[in-house]
Amino acid sequence: MDQVQAMRIFTRIVELGSFSRAAERLQLPRATVSNVLKRLEQRLGVRLLVRTTRQVQVTAEGTLYYQRCLHLLDALEEADTLFSHHKLQPTGKVRIDMPHSLAREIVIPALDEFYQLYPEIEIALGANDTHVDLLREGVDCVLRAWETEDDTLVARRIAQFPQVTCASPGYLRTFGTPQSLDELQHHRAVGYFSLVSNRNYPLEFCRDGRLELRELPGKLSVSGADAYTSACVAGMGLIQAARYVLTPWLQRGELVEVLADTPPPPMPIYIMYPPGRFLAPRVRVLIDWLITLFEPHKNR
């Protein structure tokens, strides 16, 4: 088996975290996949993967080689499409991940426009609010409301959305409507916790050009945006979220904005993807389209 195919097999094993799943995806016998990886490690003289009974772990050398493989394979794809109609009409599947609200309110309603431009691209869209390991899960790019600490990824801020602090009418009848940050000591919040640290994020407020944090007690913490909003509507406490997310509830009177004079800072949106000069055409055009889609929200 040639070196290019060996690189493709190796990258698929890394992305899927399994020899068996890689073999199934590539429609190859598992023994073939194992033998190719063994010969590849022998030729390079380094251990790329550590196989255990439960998982496949990538070594430091394997991570470095994986990144180089991605660059080279993307360059090959770029060369193969240079003189074909695929340069103008990229084909294939792109896997992207983003929060539910961005998918529901902004991206999915505009996808028909994307498909008119690129009818031969298929999108696999994961909608969730949690951390995604692009390398291990085979995701091409992600949209997130925080900047990655992973220096193996490119992170570009493409938008920022105004945020509001709000509560339900029932909650405000019970606890009163806070008129200043000093009155928050009598209130509680719905916790939104990090799946990495398992700690709740504090509420954030901008006052006199400074950012102030408040950690309020509460009886419920969640890890998803939809549950966060639902808990607030149910009267569990104060929350902070992007205005575009909460607008339907605010317009129906199910939520009420409070502390408008000291709003939370705008919520940034980043697009993240592996670095390198070459991106597969199907990935590059989707990233470029998303940047254009979010352009009206860039400087809000």
C-alpha atoms as a PDB file:
ATOM      1  CA  MET A   1       0.000   0.000   0.000  1.00  0.00           C
ATOM      2  CA  ASP A   2       1.450   3.410  -0.966  1.00  0.00           C
ATOM      3  CA  GLN A   3       2.494   6.114   1.466  1.00  0.00           C
ATOM      4  CA  VAL A   4      -0.430   8.433   0.683  1.00  0.00           C
ATOM      5  CA  GLN A   5      -2.940   5.712   1.475  1.00  0.00           C
ATOM      6  CA  ALA A   6      -1.039   4.895   4.669  1.00  0.00           C
ATOM      7  CA  MET A   7      -1.308   8.550   5.705  1.00  0.00           C
ATOM      8  CA  ARG A   8      -5.042   8.508   4.988  1.00  0.00           C
ATOM      9  CA  ILE A   9      -5.476   5.393   7.122  1.00  0.00           C
ATOM     10  CA  PHE A  10      -3.437   6.883   9.964  1.00  0.00           C
ATOM     11  CA  THR A  11      -5.410  10.153  10.012  1.00  0.00           C
ATOM     12  CA  ARG A  12      -8.692   8.247  10.000  1.00  0.00           C
ATOM     13  CA  ILE A  13      -7.581   6.136  12.989  1.00  0.00           C
ATOM     14  CA  VAL A  14      -6.661   9.302  14.899  1.00  0.00           C
ATOM     15  CA  GLU A  15      -9.931  11.063  14.072  1.00  0.00           C
ATOM     16  CA  LEU A  16     -12.151   8.112  14.947  1.00  0.00           C
ATOM     17  CA  GLY A  17     -10.042   6.863  17.852  1.00  0.00           C
ATOM     18  CA  SER A  18     -10.439   3.269  16.734  1.00  0.00           C
ATOM     19  CA  PHE A  19      -8.847   0.811  14.304  1.00  0.00           C
ATOM     20  CA  SER A  20     -12.170  -0.947  13.814  1.00  0.00           C
ATOM     21  CA  ARG A  21     -14.128   2.208  13.039  1.00  0.00           C
ATOM     22  CA  ALA A  22     -11.379   3.414  10.701  1.00  0.00           C
ATOM     23  CA  ALA A  23     -11.446   0.100   8.858  1.00  0.00           C
ATOM     24  CA  GLU A  24     -15.241   0.260   8.595  1.00  0.00           C
ATOM     25  CA  ARG A  25     -15.199   3.862   7.354  1.00  0.00           C
ATOM     26  CA  LEU A  26     -12.494   3.080   4.759  1.00  0.00           C
ATOM     27  CA  GLN A  27     -14.117  -0.240   3.831  1.00  0.00           C
ATOM     28  CA  LEU A  28     -10.908  -2.146   4.531  1.00  0.00           C
ATOM     29  CA  PRO A  29     -10.218  -5.268   6.610  1.00  0.00           C
ATOM     30  CA  ARG A  30      -9.159  -4.431  10.142  1.00  0.00           C
ATOM     31  CA  ALA A  31      -6.026  -6.533   9.721  1.00  0.00           C
ATOM     32  CA  THR A  32      -5.027  -4.392   6.746  1.00  0.00           C
ATOM     33  CA  VAL A  33      -5.409  -1.210   8.771  1.00  0.00           C
ATOM     34  CA  SER A  34      -3.343  -2.650  11.640  1.00  0.00           C
ATOM     35  CA  ASN A  35      -0.604  -3.863   9.311  1.00  0.00           C
ATOM     36  CA  VAL A  36      -0.409  -0.522   7.495  1.00  0.00           C
ATOM     37  CA  LEU A  37      -0.007   1.344  10.781  1.00  0.00           C
ATOM     38  CA  LYS A  38       2.640  -1.132  11.959  1.00  0.00           C
ATOM     39  CA  ARG A  39       4.677  -0.734   8.753  1.00  0.00           C
ATOM     40  CA  LEU A  40       4.280   3.058   8.912  1.00  0.00           C
ATOM     41  CA  GLU A  41       5.689   3.168  12.452  1.00  0.00           C
ATOM     42  CA  GLN A  42       8.550   0.872  11.448  1.00  0.00           C
ATOM     43  CA  ARG A  43       9.436   3.054   8.475  1.00  0.00           C
ATOM     44  CA  LEU A  44       9.331   6.262  10.554  1.00  0.00           C
ATOM     45  CA  GLY A  45      11.081   4.696  13.522  1.00  0.00           C
ATOM     46  CA  VAL A  46       8.676   6.184  16.070  1.00  0.00           C
ATOM     47  CA  ARG A  47       5.550   5.129  17.937  1.00  0.00           C
ATOM     48  CA  LEU A  48       2.574   7.063  16.555  1.00  0.00           C
ATOM     49  CA  LEU A  49      -0.245   5.459  18.520  1.00  0.00           C
ATOM     50  CA  VAL A  50      -0.591   3.628  21.814  1.00  0.00           C
ATOM     51  CA  ARG A  51      -3.218   0.908  21.577  1.00  0.00           C
ATOM     52  CA  THR A  52      -5.056  -0.279  24.687  1.00  0.00           C
ATOM     53  CA  THR A  53      -8.061  -2.544  25.098  1.00  0.00           C
ATOM     54  CA  ARG A  54     -10.402   0.471  25.322  1.00  0.00           C
ATOM     55  CA  GLN A  55      -8.949   3.265  23.235  1.00  0.00           C
ATOM     56  CA  VAL A  56      -6.266   4.541  20.932  1.00  0.00           C
ATOM     57  CA  GLN A  57      -4.054   7.315  22.275  1.00  0.00           C
ATOM     58  CA  VAL A  58      -1.939   9.549  20.049  1.00  0.00           C
ATOM     59  CA  THR A  59       1.685  10.082  21.059  1.00  0.00           C
ATOM     60  CA  ALA A  60       3.417  13.458  20.817  1.00  0.00           C
ATOM     61  CA  GLU A  61       5.141  12.227  17.659  1.00  0.00           C
ATOM     62  CA  GLY A  62       1.797  10.976  16.357  1.00  0.00           C
ATOM     63  CA  THR A  63       0.172  14.369  16.892  1.00  0.00           C
ATOM     64  CA  LEU A  64       2.972  16.114  14.997  1.00  0.00           C
ATOM     65  CA  TYR A  65       2.803  13.578  12.168  1.00  0.00           C
ATOM     66  CA  TYR A  66      -0.990  13.866  12.050  1.00  0.00           C
ATOM     67  CA  GLN A  67      -0.792  17.632  11.518  1.00  0.00           C
ATOM     68  CA  ARG A  68       1.756  17.189   8.739  1.00  0.00           C
ATOM     69  CA  CYS A  69      -0.405  14.500   7.127  1.00  0.00           C
ATOM     70  CA  LEU A  70      -3.398  16.843   7.105  1.00  0.00           C
ATOM     71  CA  HIS A  71      -1.368  19.538   5.362  1.00  0.00           C
ATOM     72  CA  LEU A  72       0.003  17.138   2.765  1.00  0.00           C
ATOM     73  CA  LEU A  73      -3.314  15.429   2.074  1.00  0.00           C
ATOM     74  CA  ASP A  74      -5.076  18.779   1.721  1.00  0.00           C
ATOM     75  CA  ALA A  75      -2.325  19.906  -0.652  1.00  0.00           C
ATOM     76  CA  LEU A  76      -2.844  16.774  -2.743  1.00  0.00           C
ATOM     77  CA  GLU A  77      -6.579  17.405  -2.883  1.00  0.00           C
ATOM     78  CA  GLU A  78      -5.900  21.008  -3.867  1.00  0.00           C
ATOM     79  CA  ALA A  79      -3.629  19.818  -6.678  1.00  0.00           C
ATOM     80  CA  ASP A  80      -6.120  17.212  -7.871  1.00  0.00           C
ATOM     81  CA  THR A  81      -8.879  19.825  -8.154  1.00  0.00           C
ATOM     82  CA  LEU A  82      -6.715  22.497  -9.741  1.00  0.00           C
ATOM     83  CA  PHE A  83      -7.697  21.662 -13.296  1.00  0.00           C
ATOM     84  CA  SER A  84     -11.149  20.270 -12.735  1.00  0.00           C
ATOM     85  CA  HIS A  85     -14.627  21.647 -12.205  1.00  0.00           C
ATOM     86  CA  HIS A  86     -14.231  20.823  -8.514  1.00  0.00           C
ATOM     87  CA  LYS A  87     -12.213  23.993  -8.059  1.00  0.00           C
ATOM     88  CA  LEU A  88     -15.366  25.934  -8.835  1.00  0.00           C
ATOM     89  CA  GLN A  89     -17.708  23.328  -7.403  1.00  0.00           C
ATOM     90  CA  PRO A  90     -16.097  21.633  -4.380  1.00  0.00           C
ATOM     91  CA  THR A  91     -17.556  18.292  -3.423  1.00  0.00           C
ATOM     92  CA  GLY A  92     -17.685  16.080  -0.359  1.00  0.00           C
ATOM     93  CA  LYS A  93     -18.788  16.187   3.262  1.00  0.00           C
ATOM     94  CA  VAL A  94     -17.858  18.879   5.763  1.00  0.00           C
ATOM     95  CA  ARG A  95     -18.401  18.248   9.449  1.00  0.00           C
ATOM     96  CA  ILE A  96     -19.024  21.340  11.571  1.00  0.00           C
ATOM     97  CA  ASP A  97     -20.112  21.840  15.171  1.00  0.00           C
ATOM     98  CA  MET A  98     -21.792  24.871  16.776  1.00  0.00           C
ATOM     99  CA  PRO A  99     -24.156  25.869  19.620  1.00  0.00           C
ATOM    100  CA  HIS A 100     -27.860  25.035  19.220  1.00  0.00           C
ATOM    101  CA  SER A 101     -28.866  28.684  19.106  1.00  0.00           C
ATOM    102  CA  LEU A 102     -26.492  29.626  16.282  1.00  0.00           C
ATOM    103  CA  ALA A 103     -27.593  26.608  14.278  1.00  0.00           C
ATOM    104  CA  ARG A 104     -31.297  27.246  14.871  1.00  0.00           C
ATOM    105  CA  GLU A 105     -31.438  31.029  14.517  1.00  0.00           C
ATOM    106  CA  ILE A 106     -28.693  31.935  12.040  1.00  0.00           C
ATOM    107  CA  VAL A 107     -26.932  29.143  10.166  1.00  0.00           C
ATOM    108  CA  ILE A 108     -29.649  26.634   9.242  1.00  0.00           C
ATOM    109  CA  PRO A 109     -32.130  29.280   7.960  1.00  0.00           C
ATOM    110  CA  ALA A 110     -29.409  30.507   5.565  1.00  0.00           C
ATOM    111  CA  LEU A 111     -28.168  27.103   4.359  1.00  0.00           C
ATOM    112  CA  ASP A 112     -30.308  27.132   1.227  1.00  0.00           C
ATOM    113  CA  GLU A 113     -28.185  30.044  -0.001  1.00  0.00           C
ATOM    114  CA  PHE A 114     -25.016  28.003   0.626  1.00  0.00           C
ATOM    115  CA  TYR A 115     -26.360  24.971  -1.223  1.00  0.00           C
ATOM    116  CA  GLN A 116     -27.286  27.111  -4.207  1.00  0.00           C
ATOM    117  CA  LEU A 117     -23.648  28.166  -4.393  1.00  0.00           C
ATOM    118  CA  TYR A 118     -22.187  24.738  -3.628  1.00  0.00           C
ATOM    119  CA  PRO A 119     -24.754  22.046  -4.475  1.00  0.00           C
ATOM    120  CA  GLU A 120     -22.241  19.184  -4.303  1.00  0.00           C
ATOM    121  CA  ILE A 121     -21.212  19.733  -0.673  1.00  0.00           C
ATOM    122  CA  GLU A 122     -22.859  17.786   2.131  1.00  0.00           C
ATOM    123  CA  ILE A 123     -22.799  19.247   5.651  1.00  0.00           C
ATOM    124  CA  ALA A 124     -22.851  17.209   8.852  1.00  0.00           C
ATOM    125  CA  LEU A 125     -23.839  19.747  11.516  1.00  0.00           C
ATOM    126  CA  GLY A 126     -23.457  18.935  15.180  1.00  0.00           C
ATOM    127  CA  ALA A 127     -25.452  21.267  17.444  1.00  0.00           C
ATOM    128  CA  ASN A 128     -24.192  21.355  21.022  1.00  0.00           C
ATOM    129  CA  ASP A 129     -22.582  23.712  23.519  1.00  0.00           C
ATOM    130  CA  THR A 130     -19.708  21.552  24.740  1.00  0.00           C
ATOM    131  CA  HIS A 131     -16.024  21.262  23.916  1.00  0.00           C
ATOM    132  CA  VAL A 132     -15.248  19.255  20.779  1.00  0.00           C
ATOM    133  CA  ASP A 133     -11.877  17.641  20.085  1.00  0.00           C
ATOM    134  CA  LEU A 134     -11.514  18.325  16.357  1.00  0.00           C
ATOM    135  CA  LEU A 135      -8.607  15.945  15.943  1.00  0.00           C
ATOM    136  CA  ARG A 136     -10.175  12.975  17.689  1.00  0.00           C
ATOM    137  CA  GLU A 137     -13.755  13.483  16.497  1.00  0.00           C
ATOM    138  CA  GLY A 138     -12.974  14.278  12.866  1.00  0.00           C
ATOM    139  CA  VAL A 139     -14.623  17.724  12.912  1.00  0.00           C
ATOM    140  CA  ASP A 140     -13.471  20.182  10.236  1.00  0.00           C
ATOM    141  CA  CYS A 141     -14.375  23.410  12.057  1.00  0.00           C
ATOM    142  CA  VAL A 142     -16.405  24.670  15.008  1.00  0.00           C
ATOM    143  CA  LEU A 143     -18.223  27.827  16.083  1.00  0.00           C
ATOM    144  CA  ARG A 144     -17.909  28.672  19.771  1.00  0.00           C
ATOM    145  CA  ALA A 145     -18.540  31.568  22.146  1.00  0.00           C
ATOM    146  CA  TRP A 146     -15.068  31.288  23.642  1.00  0.00           C
ATOM    147  CA  GLU A 147     -11.542  31.379  22.251  1.00  0.00           C
ATOM    148  CA  THR A 148      -9.700  28.098  22.311  1.00  0.00           C
ATOM    149  CA  GLU A 149      -6.619  27.548  24.444  1.00  0.00           C
ATOM    150  CA  ASP A 150      -5.516  24.867  21.962  1.00  0.00           C
ATOM    151  CA  ASP A 151      -2.585  26.348  20.060  1.00  0.00           C
ATOM    152  CA  THR A 152      -2.988  23.711  17.344  1.00  0.00           C
ATOM    153  CA  LEU A 153      -6.136  25.509  16.102  1.00  0.00           C
ATOM    154  CA  VAL A 154      -6.732  28.757  14.261  1.00  0.00           C
ATOM    155  CA  ALA A 155      -9.348  30.894  16.063  1.00  0.00           C
ATOM    156  CA  ARG A 156     -10.937  33.873  14.262  1.00  0.00           C
ATOM    157  CA  ARG A 157     -13.501  36.112  15.900  1.00  0.00           C
ATOM    158  CA  ILE A 158     -16.296  36.572  13.363  1.00  0.00           C
ATOM    159  CA  ALA A 159     -19.086  38.183  15.407  1.00  0.00           C
ATOM    160  CA  GLN A 160     -20.180  39.494  18.764  1.00  0.00           C
ATOM    161  CA  PHE A 161     -23.725  39.587  20.091  1.00  0.00           C
ATOM    162  CA  PRO A 162     -25.200  41.901  22.757  1.00  0.00           C
ATOM    163  CA  GLN A 163     -26.200  40.070  25.919  1.00  0.00           C
ATOM    164  CA  VAL A 164     -28.892  40.748  28.504  1.00  0.00           C
ATOM    165  CA  THR A 165     -29.625  39.810  32.088  1.00  0.00           C
ATOM    166  CA  CYS A 166     -33.162  38.588  32.638  1.00  0.00           C
ATOM    167  CA  ALA A 167     -35.578  36.718  34.871  1.00  0.00           C
ATOM    168  CA  SER A 168     -39.143  35.464  34.738  1.00  0.00           C
ATOM    169  CA  PRO A 169     -42.088  37.592  35.953  1.00  0.00           C
ATOM    170  CA  GLY A 170     -42.795  34.986  38.613  1.00  0.00           C
ATOM    171  CA  TYR A 171     -39.244  35.162  39.940  1.00  0.00           C
ATOM    172  CA  LEU A 172     -39.379  38.962  40.070  1.00  0.00           C
ATOM    173  CA  ARG A 173     -42.668  38.878  41.994  1.00  0.00           C
ATOM    174  CA  THR A 174     -41.020  36.667  44.597  1.00  0.00           C
ATOM    175  CA  PHE A 175     -37.568  38.252  44.859  1.00  0.00           C
ATOM    176  CA  GLY A 176     -38.184  41.758  43.534  1.00  0.00           C
ATOM    177  CA  THR A 177     -36.599  43.503  40.569  1.00  0.00           C
ATOM    178  CA  PRO A 178     -32.944  44.436  41.214  1.00  0.00           C
ATOM    179  CA  GLN A 179     -32.258  48.106  40.525  1.00  0.00           C
ATOM    180  CA  SER A 180     -28.481  47.939  40.985  1.00  0.00           C
ATOM    181  CA  LEU A 181     -25.670  45.415  41.297  1.00  0.00           C
ATOM    182  CA  ASP A 182     -25.619  46.007  45.052  1.00  0.00           C
ATOM    183  CA  GLU A 183     -29.128  44.537  45.303  1.00  0.00           C
ATOM    184  CA  LEU A 184     -28.005  41.223  43.773  1.00  0.00           C
ATOM    185  CA  GLN A 185     -27.083  39.954  47.232  1.00  0.00           C
ATOM    186  CA  HIS A 186     -30.785  39.199  47.698  1.00  0.00           C
ATOM    187  CA  HIS A 187     -31.079  37.218  44.461  1.00  0.00           C
ATOM    188  CA  ARG A 188     -30.133  33.878  42.998  1.00  0.00           C
ATOM    189  CA  ALA A 189     -29.058  32.681  39.562  1.00  0.00           C
ATOM    190  CA  VAL A 190     -29.360  29.635  37.348  1.00  0.00           C
ATOM    191  CA  GLY A 191     -25.864  28.199  37.225  1.00  0.00           C
ATOM    192  CA  TYR A 192     -24.205  27.427  33.901  1.00  0.00           C
ATOM    193  CA  PHE A 193     -21.332  25.048  34.585  1.00  0.00           C
ATOM    194  CA  SER A 194     -18.259  24.120  32.598  1.00  0.00           C
ATOM    195  CA  LEU A 195     -17.974  20.459  31.693  1.00  0.00           C
ATOM    196  CA  VAL A 196     -14.186  20.824  31.996  1.00  0.00           C
ATOM    197  CA  SER A 197     -13.940  22.420  35.474  1.00  0.00           C
ATOM    198  CA  ASN A 198     -17.452  21.515  36.729  1.00  0.00           C
ATOM    199  CA  ARG A 199     -17.711  25.062  38.115  1.00  0.00           C
ATOM    200  CA  ASN A 200     -20.410  27.631  37.403  1.00  0.00           C
ATOM    201  CA  TYR A 201     -19.556  30.660  35.329  1.00  0.00           C
ATOM    202  CA  PRO A 202     -20.133  33.924  37.262  1.00  0.00           C
ATOM    203  CA  LEU A 203     -22.511  36.609  36.041  1.00  0.00           C
ATOM    204  CA  GLU A 204     -20.714  39.472  34.284  1.00  0.00           C
ATOM    205  CA  PHE A 205     -21.633  43.153  34.295  1.00  0.00           C
ATOM    206  CA  CYS A 206     -20.118  46.259  32.704  1.00  0.00           C
ATOM    207  CA  ARG A 207     -20.196  49.270  35.059  1.00  0.00           C
ATOM    208  CA  ASP A 208     -18.324  52.530  34.436  1.00  0.00           C
ATOM    209  CA  GLY A 209     -16.116  50.853  31.854  1.00  0.00           C
ATOM    210  CA  ARG A 210     -15.110  48.022  34.190  1.00  0.00           C
ATOM    211  CA  LEU A 211     -16.077  44.360  34.189  1.00  0.00           C
ATOM    212  CA  GLU A 212     -17.580  43.175  37.481  1.00  0.00           C
ATOM    213  CA  LEU A 213     -18.303  39.562  38.359  1.00  0.00           C
ATOM    214  CA  ARG A 214     -21.018  38.264  40.659  1.00  0.00           C
ATOM    215  CA  GLU A 215     -21.379  34.702  41.924  1.00  0.00           C
ATOM    216  CA  LEU A 216     -24.946  34.206  43.132  1.00  0.00           C
ATOM    217  CA  PRO A 217     -26.376  31.203  44.951  1.00  0.00           C
ATOM    218  CA  GLY A 218     -28.836  28.980  43.161  1.00  0.00           C
ATOM    219  CA  LYS A 219     -30.666  25.671  43.348  1.00  0.00           C
ATOM    220  CA  LEU A 220     -30.070  24.545  39.745  1.00  0.00           C
ATOM    221  CA  SER A 221     -27.056  24.383  37.450  1.00  0.00           C
ATOM    222  CA  VAL A 222     -27.151  23.268  33.801  1.00  0.00           C
ATOM    223  CA  SER A 223     -24.668  22.736  30.976  1.00  0.00           C
ATOM    224  CA  GLY A 224     -26.833  23.498  27.925  1.00  0.00           C
ATOM    225  CA  ALA A 225     -28.239  26.737  26.536  1.00  0.00           C
ATOM    226  CA  ASP A 226     -31.787  25.442  26.037  1.00  0.00           C
ATOM    227  CA  ALA A 227     -31.966  24.127  29.608  1.00  0.00           C
ATOM    228  CA  TYR A 228     -30.496  27.427  30.835  1.00  0.00           C
ATOM    229  CA  THR A 229     -33.307  29.421  29.221  1.00  0.00           C
ATOM    230  CA  SER A 230     -35.988  26.947  30.316  1.00  0.00           C
ATOM    231  CA  ALA A 231     -34.807  27.157  33.920  1.00  0.00           C
ATOM    232  CA  CYS A 232     -35.080  30.935  33.833  1.00  0.00           C
ATOM    233  CA  VAL A 233     -38.606  30.806  32.363  1.00  0.00           C
ATOM    234  CA  ALA A 234     -39.512  28.391  35.163  1.00  0.00           C
ATOM    235  CA  GLY A 235     -38.447  30.991  37.751  1.00  0.00           C
ATOM    236  CA  MET A 236     -35.228  29.333  38.918  1.00  0.00           C
ATOM    237  CA  GLY A 237     -33.192  32.554  38.881  1.00  0.00           C
ATOM    238  CA  LEU A 238     -31.376  35.177  36.821  1.00  0.00           C
ATOM    239  CA  ILE A 239     -29.528  34.279  33.631  1.00  0.00           C
ATOM    240  CA  GLN A 240     -27.390  36.057  31.045  1.00  0.00           C
ATOM    241  CA  ALA A 241     -27.454  35.197  27.354  1.00  0.00           C
ATOM    242  CA  ALA A 242     -27.328  36.746  23.913  1.00  0.00           C
ATOM    243  CA  ARG A 243     -30.286  38.992  23.181  1.00  0.00           C
ATOM    244  CA  TYR A 244     -31.031  37.247  19.873  1.00  0.00           C
ATOM    245  CA  VAL A 245     -31.466  33.967  21.761  1.00  0.00           C
ATOM    246  CA  LEU A 246     -33.866  35.399  24.350  1.00  0.00           C
ATOM    247  CA  THR A 247     -35.863  37.749  22.083  1.00  0.00           C
ATOM    248  CA  PRO A 248     -38.848  35.364  21.590  1.00  0.00           C
ATOM    249  CA  TRP A 249     -39.313  34.969  25.378  1.00  0.00           C
ATOM    250  CA  LEU A 250     -38.819  38.699  25.980  1.00  0.00           C
ATOM    251  CA  GLN A 251     -41.385  39.586  23.332  1.00  0.00           C
ATOM    252  CA  ARG A 252     -43.946  37.158  24.800  1.00  0.00           C
ATOM    253  CA  GLY A 253     -43.374  38.527  28.297  1.00  0.00           C
ATOM    254  CA  GLU A 254     -42.111  35.177  29.601  1.00  0.00           C
ATOM    255  CA  LEU A 255     -38.812  36.839  30.486  1.00  0.00           C
ATOM    256  CA  VAL A 256     -38.031  40.384  31.600  1.00  0.00           C
ATOM    257  CA  GLU A 257     -34.739  42.218  31.125  1.00  0.00           C
ATOM    258  CA  VAL A 258     -33.198  43.614  34.321  1.00  0.00           C
ATOM    259  CA  LEU A 259     -30.139  45.746  35.101  1.00  0.00           C
ATOM    260  CA  ALA A 260     -30.092  47.164  31.587  1.00  0.00           C
ATOM    261  CA  ASP A 261     -27.773  49.982  32.720  1.00  0.00           C
ATOM    262  CA  THR A 262     -25.046  47.473  33.597  1.00  0.00           C
ATOM    263  CA  PRO A 263     -25.292  44.895  30.791  1.00  0.00           C
ATOM    264  CA  PRO A 264     -23.062  41.874  30.328  1.00  0.00           C
ATOM    265  CA  PRO A 265     -20.218  42.297  27.819  1.00  0.00           C
ATOM    266  CA  PRO A 266     -20.996  41.223  24.239  1.00  0.00           C
ATOM    267  CA  MET A 267     -20.703  37.506  23.525  1.00  0.00           C
ATOM    268  CA  PRO A 268     -17.927  36.830  20.961  1.00  0.00           C
ATOM    269  CA  ILE A 269     -18.247  34.105  18.345  1.00  0.00           C
ATOM    270  CA  TYR A 270     -15.122  32.360  17.067  1.00  0.00           C
ATOM    271  CA  ILE A 271     -14.640  29.991  14.171  1.00  0.00           C
ATOM    272  CA  MET A 272     -11.887  27.452  14.819  1.00  0.00           C
ATOM    273  CA  TYR A 273     -10.160  25.033  12.485  1.00  0.00           C
ATOM    274  CA  PRO A 274      -6.787  23.276  12.095  1.00  0.00           C
ATOM    275  CA  PRO A 275      -3.992  25.553  10.864  1.00  0.00           C
ATOM    276  CA  GLY A 276      -2.071  25.210   7.654  1.00  0.00           C
ATOM    277  CA  ARG A 277      -1.709  26.753   4.277  1.00  0.00           C
ATOM    278  CA  PHE A 278      -4.007  24.252   2.629  1.00  0.00           C
ATOM    279  CA  LEU A 279      -7.620  23.664   3.553  1.00  0.00           C
ATOM    280  CA  ALA A 280      -9.716  21.264   1.527  1.00  0.00           C
ATOM    281  CA  PRO A 281     -11.799  23.366  -0.904  1.00  0.00           C
ATOM    282  CA  ARG A 282     -15.057  22.096   0.585  1.00  0.00           C
ATOM    283  CA  VAL A 283     -13.938  23.256   4.061  1.00  0.00           C
ATOM    284  CA  ARG A 284     -12.523  26.559   2.888  1.00  0.00           C
ATOM    285  CA  VAL A 285     -15.676  27.647   1.073  1.00  0.00           C
ATOM    286  CA  LEU A 286     -17.839  26.823   4.098  1.00  0.00           C
ATOM    287  CA  ILE A 287     -15.562  28.817   6.416  1.00  0.00           C
ATOM    288  CA  ASP A 288     -15.574  31.772   4.004  1.00  0.00           C
ATOM    289  CA  TRP A 289     -19.373  31.602   3.716  1.00  0.00           C
ATOM    290  CA  LEU A 290     -19.803  31.540   7.499  1.00  0.00           C
ATOM    291  CA  ILE A 291     -17.527  34.560   7.902  1.00  0.00           C
ATOM    292  CA  THR A 292     -19.663  36.440   5.365  1.00  0.00           C
ATOM    293  CA  LEU A 293     -22.894  35.264   7.017  1.00  0.00           C
ATOM    294  CA  PHE A 294     -21.819  36.642  10.389  1.00  0.00           C
ATOM    295  CA  GLU A 295     -20.366  39.885   8.987  1.00  0.00           C
ATOM    296  CA  PRO A 296     -23.453  41.990   9.954  1.00  0.00           C
ATOM    297  CA  HIS A 297     -22.908  40.901  13.588  1.00  0.00           C
ATOM    298  CA  LYS A 298     -19.178  41.584  13.703  1.00  0.00           C
ATOM    299  CA  ASN A 299     -19.122  45.000  15.336  1.00  0.00           C
ATOM    300  CA  ARG A 300     -22.330  45.086  17.346  1.00  0.00           C
END
